[in-house]
Structures are given as C-alpha cells and as structure tokens.
Amino acid sequence: MDQGAGAGRPTKMMSPIDAIKGAFSGMTSFDGRASRSQYWWFVLFYWLIDTVVTMAAVSAGQPMIAMASFLLIPAALAVSAKRMHDHGKSGWFMLIPFYNLYLFIIDGEDGVNDYGPPPTNEA
C-alpha cells in the first residue's frame, strides 16, 4: 500500500517489536512523526523494563542497578517528541501536563505537516 505525500493515517497498527526497534533506531533524532501505536508500545516496553530492573535491584540489594533504566530516556524523549509532531506541535508540548496526555491519546493530523508525512507503521 502506498503511503506517499498526502496519504491519510496509518491503516494498521505497528507491531510491538517494530515500535521498539523504531524508537531505538531513531533515538538520536527528534525529526519526524510517531503514530499512537508506536508511542504506546514503546511506553509499555519502557514501563516493563523499568519495573523488572527496579525489582531486580531491590531484590539484589543494589539500588544502583535501577539506574540502568535511565538508558531508555533518550529513546523515550525522542518518541514522545515525534508523537507531538504527529499533531503539528513542537516536541516541547510533551512538558505540558494533561494536554500532552490528550495529544498522546488522540489521532494525529492527516496528511503532511511541518514535521513530515504521516507515519506509515511499516517496519
């Protein structure tokens, strides 16, 4: 299916593995847009990893191990900024409480905006 310029929203949800790979491969760039599925799959991954690492640190009696989850922060910031871009907003909007949650939940803009074409959810 062609998702070229002017195409609408993605027709399918991004898979969890593709969302996680996409977040890590794009963690050094804040350019582009991220779909809801890419964002929420990565958030779920982040929460799971953080929980597992924290539980392991507590059970091992080594709280410094929990610092390993900080390695995910660049990818989390990048995918969050790209989610804001999907609405035509600056990535800084992720810092506004409640409004950012609203933007994370609703569907992004159809068609091309200042941040590029809509995400295709293709790997």
PDB file of N, CA and C in Angstrom:
ATOM      1  N   MET A   1       0.836  -1.181   0.000  1.00  0.00           N
ATOM      2  CA  MET A   1       0.000   0.000   0.000  1.00  0.00           C
ATOM      3  C   MET A   1       0.880   1.242   0.000  1.00  0.00           C
ATOM      4  N   ASP A   2       0.577   2.188  -0.845  1.00  0.00           N
ATOM      5  CA  ASP A   2       1.363   3.412  -0.951  1.00  0.00           C
ATOM      6  C   ASP A   2       0.885   4.411   0.093  1.00  0.00           C
ATOM      7  N   GLN A   3       1.813   4.903   0.901  1.00  0.00           N
ATOM      8  CA  GLN A   3       1.510   5.902   1.921  1.00  0.00           C
ATOM      9  C   GLN A   3       2.297   7.166   1.615  1.00  0.00           C
ATOM     10  N   GLY A   4       2.232   7.645   0.407  1.00  0.00           N
ATOM     11  CA  GLY A   4       3.010   8.806  -0.001  1.00  0.00           C
ATOM     12  C   GLY A   4       2.467  10.097   0.565  1.00  0.00           C
ATOM     13  N   ALA A   5       2.975  11.187   0.025  1.00  0.00           N
ATOM     14  CA  ALA A   5       2.558  12.506   0.484  1.00  0.00           C
ATOM     15  C   ALA A   5       1.067  12.673   0.323  1.00  0.00           C
ATOM     16  N   GLY A   6       0.443  13.230   1.329  1.00  0.00           N
ATOM     17  CA  GLY A   6      -0.975  13.468   1.295  1.00  0.00           C
ATOM     18  C   GLY A   6      -1.790  12.261   1.727  1.00  0.00           C
ATOM     19  N   ALA A   7      -1.126  11.169   2.051  1.00  0.00           N
ATOM     20  CA  ALA A   7      -1.841   9.976   2.493  1.00  0.00           C
ATOM     21  C   ALA A   7      -2.438  10.223   3.860  1.00  0.00           C
ATOM     22  N   GLY A   8      -3.472   9.465   4.193  1.00  0.00           N
ATOM     23  CA  GLY A   8      -4.123   9.603   5.482  1.00  0.00           C
ATOM     24  C   GLY A   8      -3.363   8.906   6.581  1.00  0.00           C
ATOM     25  N   ARG A   9      -4.065   8.616   7.625  1.00  0.00           N
ATOM     26  CA  ARG A   9      -3.481   7.958   8.787  1.00  0.00           C
ATOM     27  C   ARG A   9      -3.092   6.519   8.453  1.00  0.00           C
ATOM     28  N   PRO A  10      -2.219   5.914   9.254  1.00  0.00           N
ATOM     29  CA  PRO A  10      -1.846   4.516   9.015  1.00  0.00           C
ATOM     30  C   PRO A  10      -3.069   3.605   9.055  1.00  0.00           C
ATOM     31  N   THR A  11      -3.074   2.601   8.183  1.00  0.00           N
ATOM     32  CA  THR A  11      -4.219   1.699   8.115  1.00  0.00           C
ATOM     33  C   THR A  11      -4.082   0.520   9.055  1.00  0.00           C
ATOM     34  N   LYS A  12      -2.891   0.314   9.600  1.00  0.00           N
ATOM     35  CA  LYS A  12      -2.708  -0.780  10.547  1.00  0.00           C
ATOM     36  C   LYS A  12      -1.843  -0.334  11.707  1.00  0.00           C
ATOM     37  N   MET A  13      -1.964  -1.070  12.803  1.00  0.00           N
ATOM     38  CA  MET A  13      -1.204  -0.762  13.999  1.00  0.00           C
ATOM     39  C   MET A  13       0.222  -1.300  13.852  1.00  0.00           C
ATOM     40  N   MET A  14       1.177  -0.560  14.374  1.00  0.00           N
ATOM     41  CA  MET A  14       2.566  -1.007  14.357  1.00  0.00           C
ATOM     42  C   MET A  14       2.733  -2.150  15.360  1.00  0.00           C
ATOM     43  N   SER A  15       3.539  -3.136  15.009  1.00  0.00           N
ATOM     44  CA  SER A  15       3.774  -4.257  15.917  1.00  0.00           C
ATOM     45  C   SER A  15       4.656  -3.798  17.081  1.00  0.00           C
ATOM     46  N   PRO A  16       4.571  -4.472  18.223  1.00  0.00           N
ATOM     47  CA  PRO A  16       5.399  -4.073  19.364  1.00  0.00           C
ATOM     48  C   PRO A  16       6.899  -4.097  19.061  1.00  0.00           C
ATOM     49  N   ILE A  17       7.363  -5.130  18.382  1.00  0.00           N
ATOM     50  CA  ILE A  17       8.794  -5.233  18.066  1.00  0.00           C
ATOM     51  C   ILE A  17       9.229  -4.095  17.146  1.00  0.00           C
ATOM     52  N   ASP A  18       8.426  -3.802  16.117  1.00  0.00           N
ATOM     53  CA  ASP A  18       8.765  -2.704  15.206  1.00  0.00           C
ATOM     54  C   ASP A  18       8.757  -1.362  15.927  1.00  0.00           C
ATOM     55  N   ALA A  19       7.829  -1.178  16.857  1.00  0.00           N
ATOM     56  CA  ALA A  19       7.759   0.076  17.609  1.00  0.00           C
ATOM     57  C   ALA A  19       8.999   0.268  18.468  1.00  0.00           C
ATOM     58  N   ILE A  20       9.435  -0.797  19.127  1.00  0.00           N
ATOM     59  CA  ILE A  20      10.614  -0.715  19.990  1.00  0.00           C
ATOM     60  C   ILE A  20      11.871  -0.500  19.151  1.00  0.00           C
ATOM     61  N   LYS A  21      11.997  -1.254  18.052  1.00  0.00           N
ATOM     62  CA  LYS A  21      13.162  -1.073  17.170  1.00  0.00           C
ATOM     63  C   LYS A  21      13.180   0.336  16.588  1.00  0.00           C
ATOM     64  N   GLY A  22      12.011   0.828  16.184  1.00  0.00           N
ATOM     65  CA  GLY A  22      11.931   2.171  15.622  1.00  0.00           C
ATOM     66  C   GLY A  22      12.308   3.249  16.621  1.00  0.00           C
ATOM     67  N   ALA A  23      11.899   3.069  17.870  1.00  0.00           N
ATOM     68  CA  ALA A  23      12.231   4.049  18.906  1.00  0.00           C
ATOM     69  C   ALA A  23      13.736   4.070  19.165  1.00  0.00           C
ATOM     70  N   PHE A  24      14.353   2.900  19.216  1.00  0.00           N
ATOM     71  CA  PHE A  24      15.798   2.856  19.462  1.00  0.00           C
ATOM     72  C   PHE A  24      16.599   3.320  18.263  1.00  0.00           C
ATOM     73  N   SER A  25      16.143   3.009  17.053  1.00  0.00           N
ATOM     74  CA  SER A  25      16.897   3.440  15.881  1.00  0.00           C
ATOM     75  C   SER A  25      16.771   4.945  15.655  1.00  0.00           C
ATOM     76  N   GLY A  26      15.696   5.553  16.155  1.00  0.00           N
ATOM     77  CA  GLY A  26      15.504   6.989  15.981  1.00  0.00           C
ATOM     78  C   GLY A  26      15.737   7.796  17.231  1.00  0.00           C
ATOM     79  N   MET A  27      16.422   7.217  18.226  1.00  0.00           N
ATOM     80  CA  MET A  27      16.540   7.925  19.499  1.00  0.00           C
ATOM     81  C   MET A  27      17.515   9.096  19.466  1.00  0.00           C
ATOM     82  N   THR A  28      18.317   9.210  18.438  1.00  0.00           N
ATOM     83  CA  THR A  28      19.229  10.345  18.337  1.00  0.00           C
ATOM     84  C   THR A  28      18.656  11.459  17.473  1.00  0.00           C
ATOM     85  N   SER A  29      17.468  11.238  16.941  1.00  0.00           N
ATOM     86  CA  SER A  29      16.838  12.233  16.080  1.00  0.00           C
ATOM     87  C   SER A  29      15.439  12.561  16.601  1.00  0.00           C
ATOM     88  N   PHE A  30      15.146  13.822  16.655  1.00  0.00           N
ATOM     89  CA  PHE A  30      13.824  14.264  17.079  1.00  0.00           C
ATOM     90  C   PHE A  30      12.990  14.702  15.869  1.00  0.00           C
ATOM     91  N   ASP A  31      13.426  14.311  14.676  1.00  0.00           N
ATOM     92  CA  ASP A  31      12.715  14.655  13.448  1.00  0.00           C
ATOM     93  C   ASP A  31      11.698  13.581  13.118  1.00  0.00           C
ATOM     94  N   GLY A  32      10.622  13.978  12.467  1.00  0.00           N
ATOM     95  CA  GLY A  32       9.628  13.024  12.017  1.00  0.00           C
ATOM     96  C   GLY A  32       8.441  12.915  12.960  1.00  0.00           C
ATOM     97  N   ARG A  33       7.624  11.899  12.700  1.00  0.00           N
ATOM     98  CA  ARG A  33       6.380  11.715  13.434  1.00  0.00           C
ATOM     99  C   ARG A  33       6.269  10.270  13.920  1.00  0.00           C
ATOM    100  N   ALA A  34       5.530  10.069  15.006  1.00  0.00           N
ATOM    101  CA  ALA A  34       5.297   8.733  15.553  1.00  0.00           C
ATOM    102  C   ALA A  34       3.793   8.517  15.706  1.00  0.00           C
ATOM    103  N   SER A  35       3.336   7.343  15.318  1.00  0.00           N
ATOM    104  CA  SER A  35       1.917   7.009  15.457  1.00  0.00           C
ATOM    105  C   SER A  35       1.585   6.674  16.909  1.00  0.00           C
ATOM    106  N   ARG A  36       0.290   6.607  17.196  1.00  0.00           N
ATOM    107  CA  ARG A  36      -0.134   6.220  18.540  1.00  0.00           C
ATOM    108  C   ARG A  36       0.393   4.851  18.909  1.00  0.00           C
ATOM    109  N   SER A  37       0.294   3.891  17.979  1.00  0.00           N
ATOM    110  CA  SER A  37       0.725   2.531  18.310  1.00  0.00           C
ATOM    111  C   SER A  37       2.224   2.484  18.589  1.00  0.00           C
ATOM    112  N   GLN A  38       3.021   3.209  17.811  1.00  0.00           N
ATOM    113  CA  GLN A  38       4.461   3.220  18.074  1.00  0.00           C
ATOM    114  C   GLN A  38       4.729   3.796  19.455  1.00  0.00           C
ATOM    115  N   TYR A  39       4.086   4.897  19.780  1.00  0.00           N
ATOM    116  CA  TYR A  39       4.303   5.539  21.071  1.00  0.00           C
ATOM    117  C   TYR A  39       3.882   4.626  22.222  1.00  0.00           C
ATOM    118  N   TRP A  40       2.656   4.108  22.175  1.00  0.00           N
ATOM    119  CA  TRP A  40       2.144   3.337  23.309  1.00  0.00           C
ATOM    120  C   TRP A  40       2.837   1.989  23.459  1.00  0.00           C
ATOM    121  N   TRP A  41       3.255   1.342  22.375  1.00  0.00           N
ATOM    122  CA  TRP A  41       4.027   0.102  22.520  1.00  0.00           C
ATOM    123  C   TRP A  41       5.357   0.384  23.192  1.00  0.00           C
ATOM    124  N   PHE A  42       5.986   1.501  22.830  1.00  0.00           N
ATOM    125  CA  PHE A  42       7.261   1.830  23.470  1.00  0.00           C
ATOM    126  C   PHE A  42       7.061   2.188  24.937  1.00  0.00           C
ATOM    127  N   VAL A  43       6.000   2.904  25.280  1.00  0.00           N
ATOM    128  CA  VAL A  43       5.722   3.236  26.680  1.00  0.00           C
ATOM    129  C   VAL A  43       5.523   1.961  27.492  1.00  0.00           C
ATOM    130  N   LEU A  44       4.793   0.996  26.959  1.00  0.00           N
ATOM    131  CA  LEU A  44       4.604  -0.277  27.648  1.00  0.00           C
ATOM    132  C   LEU A  44       5.950  -0.979  27.862  1.00  0.00           C
ATOM    133  N   PHE A  45       6.773  -1.015  26.821  1.00  0.00           N
ATOM    134  CA  PHE A  45       8.111  -1.611  26.924  1.00  0.00           C
ATOM    135  C   PHE A  45       8.930  -0.913  28.008  1.00  0.00           C
ATOM    136  N   TYR A  46       8.904   0.420  28.004  1.00  0.00           N
ATOM    137  CA  TYR A  46       9.655   1.202  28.983  1.00  0.00           C
ATOM    138  C   TYR A  46       9.205   0.868  30.401  1.00  0.00           C
ATOM    139  N   TRP A  47       7.884   0.837  30.623  1.00  0.00           N
ATOM    140  CA  TRP A  47       7.362   0.536  31.960  1.00  0.00           C
ATOM    141  C   TRP A  47       7.756  -0.875  32.396  1.00  0.00           C
ATOM    142  N   LEU A  48       7.673  -1.835  31.489  1.00  0.00           N
ATOM    143  CA  LEU A  48       8.033  -3.210  31.835  1.00  0.00           C
ATOM    144  C   LEU A  48       9.513  -3.331  32.195  1.00  0.00           C
ATOM    145  N   ILE A  49      10.374  -2.753  31.379  1.00  0.00           N
ATOM    146  CA  ILE A  49      11.815  -2.812  31.646  1.00  0.00           C
ATOM    147  C   ILE A  49      12.142  -2.107  32.953  1.00  0.00           C
ATOM    148  N   ASP A  50      11.563  -0.941  33.168  1.00  0.00           N
ATOM    149  CA  ASP A  50      11.817  -0.199  34.396  1.00  0.00           C
ATOM    150  C   ASP A  50      11.364  -0.993  35.623  1.00  0.00           C
ATOM    151  N   THR A  51      10.216  -1.624  35.542  1.00  0.00           N
ATOM    152  CA  THR A  51       9.714  -2.428  36.659  1.00  0.00           C
ATOM    153  C   THR A  51      10.615  -3.623  36.938  1.00  0.00           C
ATOM    154  N   VAL A  52      10.991  -4.333  35.901  1.00  0.00           N
ATOM    155  CA  VAL A  52      11.850  -5.512  36.071  1.00  0.00           C
ATOM    156  C   VAL A  52      13.222  -5.114  36.632  1.00  0.00           C
ATOM    157  N   VAL A  53      13.807  -4.055  36.091  1.00  0.00           N
ATOM    158  CA  VAL A  53      15.124  -3.621  36.556  1.00  0.00           C
ATOM    159  C   VAL A  53      15.053  -3.142  38.008  1.00  0.00           C
ATOM    160  N   THR A  54      14.011  -2.414  38.353  1.00  0.00           N
ATOM    161  CA  THR A  54      13.851  -1.934  39.728  1.00  0.00           C
ATOM    162  C   THR A  54      13.640  -3.091  40.700  1.00  0.00           C
ATOM    163  N   MET A  55      12.807  -4.061  40.309  1.00  0.00           N
ATOM    164  CA  MET A  55      12.595  -5.224  41.170  1.00  0.00           C
ATOM    165  C   MET A  55      13.886  -6.014  41.346  1.00  0.00           C
ATOM    166  N   ALA A  56      14.652  -6.165  40.286  1.00  0.00           N
ATOM    167  CA  ALA A  56      15.928  -6.872  40.380  1.00  0.00           C
ATOM    168  C   ALA A  56      16.892  -6.121  41.289  1.00  0.00           C
ATOM    169  N   ALA A  57      16.907  -4.810  41.194  1.00  0.00           N
ATOM    170  CA  ALA A  57      17.804  -4.008  42.027  1.00  0.00           C
ATOM    171  C   ALA A  57      17.437  -4.118  43.501  1.00  0.00           C
ATOM    172  N   VAL A  58      16.138  -4.069  43.787  1.00  0.00           N
ATOM    173  CA  VAL A  58      15.684  -4.166  45.177  1.00  0.00           C
ATOM    174  C   VAL A  58      15.968  -5.550  45.741  1.00  0.00           C
ATOM    175  N   SER A  59      15.677  -6.597  44.961  1.00  0.00           N
ATOM    176  CA  SER A  59      15.897  -7.955  45.470  1.00  0.00           C
ATOM    177  C   SER A  59      17.383  -8.272  45.628  1.00  0.00           C
ATOM    178  N   ALA A  60      18.231  -7.631  44.827  1.00  0.00           N
ATOM    179  CA  ALA A  60      19.672  -7.850  44.940  1.00  0.00           C
ATOM    180  C   ALA A  60      20.307  -6.936  45.988  1.00  0.00           C
ATOM    181  N   GLY A  61      19.522  -5.987  46.502  1.00  0.00           N
ATOM    182  CA  GLY A  61      20.061  -5.049  47.481  1.00  0.00           C
ATOM    183  C   GLY A  61      21.051  -4.071  46.877  1.00  0.00           C
ATOM    184  N   GLN A  62      20.954  -3.861  45.574  1.00  0.00           N
ATOM    185  CA  GLN A  62      21.853  -2.947  44.866  1.00  0.00           C
ATOM    186  C   GLN A  62      21.037  -1.874  44.137  1.00  0.00           C
ATOM    187  N   PRO A  63      20.649  -0.823  44.831  1.00  0.00           N
ATOM    188  CA  PRO A  63      19.788   0.187  44.199  1.00  0.00           C
ATOM    189  C   PRO A  63      20.413   0.855  42.970  1.00  0.00           C
ATOM    190  N   MET A  64      21.717   0.821  42.839  1.00  0.00           N
ATOM    191  CA  MET A  64      22.352   1.447  41.677  1.00  0.00           C
ATOM    192  C   MET A  64      22.013   0.719  40.377  1.00  0.00           C
ATOM    193  N   ILE A  65      21.629  -0.549  40.464  1.00  0.00           N
ATOM    194  CA  ILE A  65      21.242  -1.294  39.263  1.00  0.00           C
ATOM    195  C   ILE A  65      20.036  -0.625  38.596  1.00  0.00           C
ATOM    196  N   ALA A  66      19.180  -0.028  39.404  1.00  0.00           N
ATOM    197  CA  ALA A  66      17.985   0.626  38.870  1.00  0.00           C
ATOM    198  C   ALA A  66      18.338   1.782  37.941  1.00  0.00           C
ATOM    199  N   MET A  67      19.547   2.283  38.050  1.00  0.00           N
ATOM    200  CA  MET A  67      19.976   3.373  37.168  1.00  0.00           C
ATOM    201  C   MET A  67      20.035   2.924  35.711  1.00  0.00           C
ATOM    202  N   ALA A  68      20.066   1.618  35.465  1.00  0.00           N
ATOM    203  CA  ALA A  68      20.124   1.106  34.091  1.00  0.00           C
ATOM    204  C   ALA A  68      18.908   1.545  33.279  1.00  0.00           C
ATOM    205  N   SER A  69      17.775   1.732  33.931  1.00  0.00           N
ATOM    206  CA  SER A  69      16.578   2.148  33.188  1.00  0.00           C
ATOM    207  C   SER A  69      16.717   3.571  32.635  1.00  0.00           C
ATOM    208  N   PHE A  70      17.677   4.339  33.160  1.00  0.00           N
ATOM    209  CA  PHE A  70      17.918   5.679  32.619  1.00  0.00           C
ATOM    210  C   PHE A  70      18.448   5.626  31.192  1.00  0.00           C
ATOM    211  N   LEU A  71      18.968   4.484  30.779  1.00  0.00           N
ATOM    212  CA  LEU A  71      19.469   4.340  29.414  1.00  0.00           C
ATOM    213  C   LEU A  71      18.346   4.420  28.379  1.00  0.00           C
ATOM    214  N   LEU A  72      17.110   4.232  28.819  1.00  0.00           N
ATOM    215  CA  LEU A  72      15.963   4.293  27.912  1.00  0.00           C
ATOM    216  C   LEU A  72      15.431   5.714  27.726  1.00  0.00           C
ATOM    217  N   ILE A  73      15.883   6.647  28.527  1.00  0.00           N
ATOM    218  CA  ILE A  73      15.329   8.008  28.486  1.00  0.00           C
ATOM    219  C   ILE A  73      15.509   8.690  27.127  1.00  0.00           C
ATOM    220  N   PRO A  74      16.673   8.617  26.466  1.00  0.00           N
ATOM    221  CA  PRO A  74      16.771   9.285  25.155  1.00  0.00           C
ATOM    222  C   PRO A  74      15.739   8.772  24.145  1.00  0.00           C
ATOM    223  N   ALA A  75      15.524   7.461  24.111  1.00  0.00           N
ATOM    224  CA  ALA A  75      14.523   6.909  23.187  1.00  0.00           C
ATOM    225  C   ALA A  75      13.121   7.361  23.576  1.00  0.00           C
ATOM    226  N   ALA A  76      12.834   7.414  24.877  1.00  0.00           N
ATOM    227  CA  ALA A  76      11.512   7.847  25.341  1.00  0.00           C
ATOM    228  C   ALA A  76      11.253   9.314  24.985  1.00  0.00           C
ATOM    229  N   LEU A  77      12.253  10.150  25.143  1.00  0.00           N
ATOM    230  CA  LEU A  77      12.098  11.566  24.783  1.00  0.00           C
ATOM    231  C   LEU A  77      11.897  11.736  23.280  1.00  0.00           C
ATOM    232  N   ALA A  78      12.665  10.994  22.490  1.00  0.00           N
ATOM    233  CA  ALA A  78      12.556  11.119  21.038  1.00  0.00           C
ATOM    234  C   ALA A  78      11.181  10.675  20.541  1.00  0.00           C
ATOM    235  N   VAL A  79      10.695   9.530  21.014  1.00  0.00           N
ATOM    236  CA  VAL A  79       9.402   9.040  20.536  1.00  0.00           C
ATOM    237  C   VAL A  79       8.266   9.940  21.043  1.00  0.00           C
ATOM    238  N   SER A  80       8.434  10.540  22.218  1.00  0.00           N
ATOM    239  CA  SER A  80       7.424  11.481  22.732  1.00  0.00           C
ATOM    240  C   SER A  80       7.380  12.751  21.890  1.00  0.00           C
ATOM    241  N   ALA A  81       8.546  13.278  21.545  1.00  0.00           N
ATOM    242  CA  ALA A  81       8.594  14.480  20.692  1.00  0.00           C
ATOM    243  C   ALA A  81       7.982  14.182  19.327  1.00  0.00           C
ATOM    244  N   LYS A  82       8.281  13.007  18.788  1.00  0.00           N
ATOM    245  CA  LYS A  82       7.720  12.638  17.480  1.00  0.00           C
ATOM    246  C   LYS A  82       6.213  12.462  17.558  1.00  0.00           C
ATOM    247  N   ARG A  83       5.706  12.028  18.702  1.00  0.00           N
ATOM    248  CA  ARG A  83       4.255  11.912  18.875  1.00  0.00           C
ATOM    249  C   ARG A  83       3.622  13.297  18.855  1.00  0.00           C
ATOM    250  N   MET A  84       4.282  14.289  19.477  1.00  0.00           N
ATOM    251  CA  MET A  84       3.789  15.669  19.434  1.00  0.00           C
ATOM    252  C   MET A  84       3.826  16.198  18.000  1.00  0.00           C
ATOM    253  N   HIS A  85       4.886  15.843  17.265  1.00  0.00           N
ATOM    254  CA  HIS A  85       4.994  16.272  15.867  1.00  0.00           C
ATOM    255  C   HIS A  85       3.848  15.724  15.025  1.00  0.00           C
ATOM    256  N   ASP A  86       3.317  14.567  15.387  1.00  0.00           N
ATOM    257  CA  ASP A  86       2.210  13.981  14.636  1.00  0.00           C
ATOM    258  C   ASP A  86       0.966  14.857  14.705  1.00  0.00           C
ATOM    259  N   HIS A  87       0.932  15.755  15.681  1.00  0.00           N
ATOM    260  CA  HIS A  87      -0.187  16.702  15.820  1.00  0.00           C
ATOM    261  C   HIS A  87       0.176  18.083  15.286  1.00  0.00           C
ATOM    262  N   GLY A  88       1.372  18.211  14.725  1.00  0.00           N
ATOM    263  CA  GLY A  88       1.814  19.505  14.225  1.00  0.00           C
ATOM    264  C   GLY A  88       2.302  20.419  15.333  1.00  0.00           C
ATOM    265  N   LYS A  89       2.587  19.861  16.504  1.00  0.00           N
ATOM    266  CA  LYS A  89       3.044  20.644  17.655  1.00  0.00           C
ATOM    267  C   LYS A  89       4.543  20.428  17.870  1.00  0.00           C
ATOM    268  N   SER A  90       5.160  21.376  18.527  1.00  0.00           N
ATOM    269  CA  SER A  90       6.569  21.244  18.898  1.00  0.00           C
ATOM    270  C   SER A  90       6.719  20.121  19.919  1.00  0.00           C
ATOM    271  N   GLY A  91       7.876  19.493  19.933  1.00  0.00           N
ATOM    272  CA  GLY A  91       8.149  18.452  20.913  1.00  0.00           C
ATOM    273  C   GLY A  91       8.074  18.951  22.345  1.00  0.00           C
ATOM    274  N   TRP A  92       8.243  20.248  22.542  1.00  0.00           N
ATOM    275  CA  TRP A  92       8.186  20.815  23.881  1.00  0.00           C
ATOM    276  C   TRP A  92       6.803  20.684  24.509  1.00  0.00           C
ATOM    277  N   PHE A  93       5.785  20.438  23.701  1.00  0.00           N
ATOM    278  CA  PHE A  93       4.435  20.271  24.245  1.00  0.00           C
ATOM    279  C   PHE A  93       4.336  19.053  25.152  1.00  0.00           C
ATOM    280  N   MET A  94       5.303  18.132  25.079  1.00  0.00           N
ATOM    281  CA  MET A  94       5.261  16.962  25.964  1.00  0.00           C
ATOM    282  C   MET A  94       5.469  17.366  27.414  1.00  0.00           C
ATOM    283  N   LEU A  95       5.914  18.587  27.664  1.00  0.00           N
ATOM    284  CA  LEU A  95       6.148  19.061  29.026  1.00  0.00           C
ATOM    285  C   LEU A  95       4.912  19.678  29.675  1.00  0.00           C
ATOM    286  N   ILE A  96       3.833  19.833  28.929  1.00  0.00           N
ATOM    287  CA  ILE A  96       2.618  20.445  29.465  1.00  0.00           C
ATOM    288  C   ILE A  96       1.711  19.343  30.028  1.00  0.00           C
ATOM    289  N   PRO A  97       1.528  19.322  31.348  1.00  0.00           N
ATOM    290  CA  PRO A  97       0.720  18.258  31.958  1.00  0.00           C
ATOM    291  C   PRO A  97      -0.715  18.240  31.424  1.00  0.00           C
ATOM    292  N   PHE A  98      -1.282  17.092  31.331  1.00  0.00           N
ATOM    293  CA  PHE A  98      -2.643  16.795  30.898  1.00  0.00           C
ATOM    294  C   PHE A  98      -2.869  17.067  29.409  1.00  0.00           C
ATOM    295  N   TYR A  99      -2.441  18.220  28.917  1.00  0.00           N
ATOM    296  CA  TYR A  99      -2.583  18.482  27.485  1.00  0.00           C
ATOM    297  C   TYR A  99      -1.737  17.503  26.686  1.00  0.00           C
ATOM    298  N   ASN A 100      -0.541  17.203  27.185  1.00  0.00           N
ATOM    299  CA  ASN A 100       0.305  16.242  26.487  1.00  0.00           C
ATOM    300  C   ASN A 100      -0.343  14.858  26.477  1.00  0.00           C
ATOM    301  N   LEU A 101      -0.971  14.462  27.558  1.00  0.00           N
ATOM    302  CA  LEU A 101      -1.658  13.168  27.610  1.00  0.00           C
ATOM    303  C   LEU A 101      -2.782  13.124  26.575  1.00  0.00           C
ATOM    304  N   TYR A 102      -3.502  14.222  26.471  1.00  0.00           N
ATOM    305  CA  TYR A 102      -4.565  14.319  25.460  1.00  0.00           C
ATOM    306  C   TYR A 102      -3.974  14.134  24.056  1.00  0.00           C
ATOM    307  N   LEU A 103      -2.851  14.791  23.782  1.00  0.00           N
ATOM    308  CA  LEU A 103      -2.225  14.674  22.465  1.00  0.00           C
ATOM    309  C   LEU A 103      -1.656  13.279  22.231  1.00  0.00           C
ATOM    310  N   PHE A 104      -1.155  12.619  23.288  1.00  0.00           N
ATOM    311  CA  PHE A 104      -0.637  11.263  23.145  1.00  0.00           C
ATOM    312  C   PHE A 104      -1.755  10.293  22.772  1.00  0.00           C
ATOM    313  N   ILE A 105      -2.975  10.570  23.231  1.00  0.00           N
ATOM    314  CA  ILE A 105      -4.097   9.641  23.058  1.00  0.00           C
ATOM    315  C   ILE A 105      -4.817   9.816  21.725  1.00  0.00           C
ATOM    316  N   ILE A 106      -5.059  11.051  21.304  1.00  0.00           N
ATOM    317  CA  ILE A 106      -5.855  11.260  20.095  1.00  0.00           C
ATOM    318  C   ILE A 106      -5.038  10.995  18.837  1.00  0.00           C
ATOM    319  N   ASP A 107      -5.743  10.783  17.745  1.00  0.00           N
ATOM    320  CA  ASP A 107      -5.098  10.537  16.460  1.00  0.00           C
ATOM    321  C   ASP A 107      -4.420  11.811  15.967  1.00  0.00           C
ATOM    322  N   GLY A 108      -3.325  11.662  15.243  1.00  0.00           N
ATOM    323  CA  GLY A 108      -2.581  12.795  14.715  1.00  0.00           C
ATOM    324  C   GLY A 108      -3.240  13.401  13.490  1.00  0.00           C
ATOM    325  N   GLU A 109      -2.558  14.356  12.900  1.00  0.00           N
ATOM    326  CA  GLU A 109      -3.065  15.042  11.713  1.00  0.00           C
ATOM    327  C   GLU A 109      -2.997  14.137  10.489  1.00  0.00           C
ATOM    328  N   ASP A 110      -3.999  14.256   9.641  1.00  0.00           N
ATOM    329  CA  ASP A 110      -3.955  13.580   8.344  1.00  0.00           C
ATOM    330  C   ASP A 110      -3.040  14.382   7.428  1.00  0.00           C
ATOM    331  N   GLY A 111      -2.363  13.709   6.574  1.00  0.00           N
ATOM    332  CA  GLY A 111      -1.542  14.380   5.572  1.00  0.00           C
ATOM    333  C   GLY A 111      -0.253  14.938   6.131  1.00  0.00           C
ATOM    334  N   VAL A 112       0.464  15.581   5.252  1.00  0.00           N
ATOM    335  CA  VAL A 112       1.780  16.134   5.577  1.00  0.00           C
ATOM    336  C   VAL A 112       1.613  17.372   6.452  1.00  0.00           C
ATOM    337  N   ASN A 113       2.469  17.502   7.471  1.00  0.00           N
ATOM    338  CA  ASN A 113       2.532  18.742   8.245  1.00  0.00           C
ATOM    339  C   ASN A 113       3.988  19.213   8.263  1.00  0.00           C
ATOM    340  N   ASP A 114       4.315  20.185   9.096  1.00  0.00           N
ATOM    341  CA  ASP A 114       5.674  20.741   9.132  1.00  0.00           C
ATOM    342  C   ASP A 114       6.738  19.720   9.511  1.00  0.00           C
ATOM    343  N   TYR A 115       6.323  18.608  10.088  1.00  0.00           N
ATOM    344  CA  TYR A 115       7.273  17.606  10.566  1.00  0.00           C
ATOM    345  C   TYR A 115       7.369  16.393   9.648  1.00  0.00           C
ATOM    346  N   GLY A 116       6.673  16.423   8.533  1.00  0.00           N
ATOM    347  CA  GLY A 116       6.784  15.348   7.567  1.00  0.00           C
ATOM    348  C   GLY A 116       5.460  14.656   7.287  1.00  0.00           C
ATOM    349  N   PRO A 117       5.535  13.578   6.506  1.00  0.00           N
ATOM    350  CA  PRO A 117       4.315  12.818   6.175  1.00  0.00           C
ATOM    351  C   PRO A 117       3.838  12.015   7.377  1.00  0.00           C
ATOM    352  N   PRO A 118       2.592  11.569   7.354  1.00  0.00           N
ATOM    353  CA  PRO A 118       2.089  10.752   8.456  1.00  0.00           C
ATOM    354  C   PRO A 118       2.900   9.456   8.577  1.00  0.00           C
ATOM    355  N   PRO A 119       3.011   8.926   9.796  1.00  0.00           N
ATOM    356  CA  PRO A 119       3.716   7.655   9.955  1.00  0.00           C
ATOM    357  C   PRO A 119       2.986   6.539   9.204  1.00  0.00           C
ATOM    358  N   THR A 120       3.750   5.614   8.663  1.00  0.00           N
ATOM    359  CA  THR A 120       3.141   4.522   7.880  1.00  0.00           C
ATOM    360  C   THR A 120       2.942   3.256   8.699  1.00  0.00           C
ATOM    361  N   ASN A 121       3.628   3.150   9.831  1.00  0.00           N
ATOM    362  CA  ASN A 121       3.622   1.938  10.665  1.00  0.00           C
ATOM    363  C   ASN A 121       4.191   0.746   9.928  1.00  0.00           C
ATOM    364  N   GLU A 122       5.033   1.012   8.949  1.00  0.00           N
ATOM    365  CA  GLU A 122       5.734  -0.059   8.239  1.00  0.00           C
ATOM    366  C   GLU A 122       7.116  -0.179   8.821  1.00  0.00           C
ATOM    367  N   ALA A 123       7.588  -1.397   8.949  1.00  0.00           N
ATOM    368  CA  ALA A 123       8.913  -1.624   9.549  1.00  0.00           C
ATOM    369  C   ALA A 123      10.011  -1.167   8.609  1.00  0.00           C
TER     370      ALA A 123
END
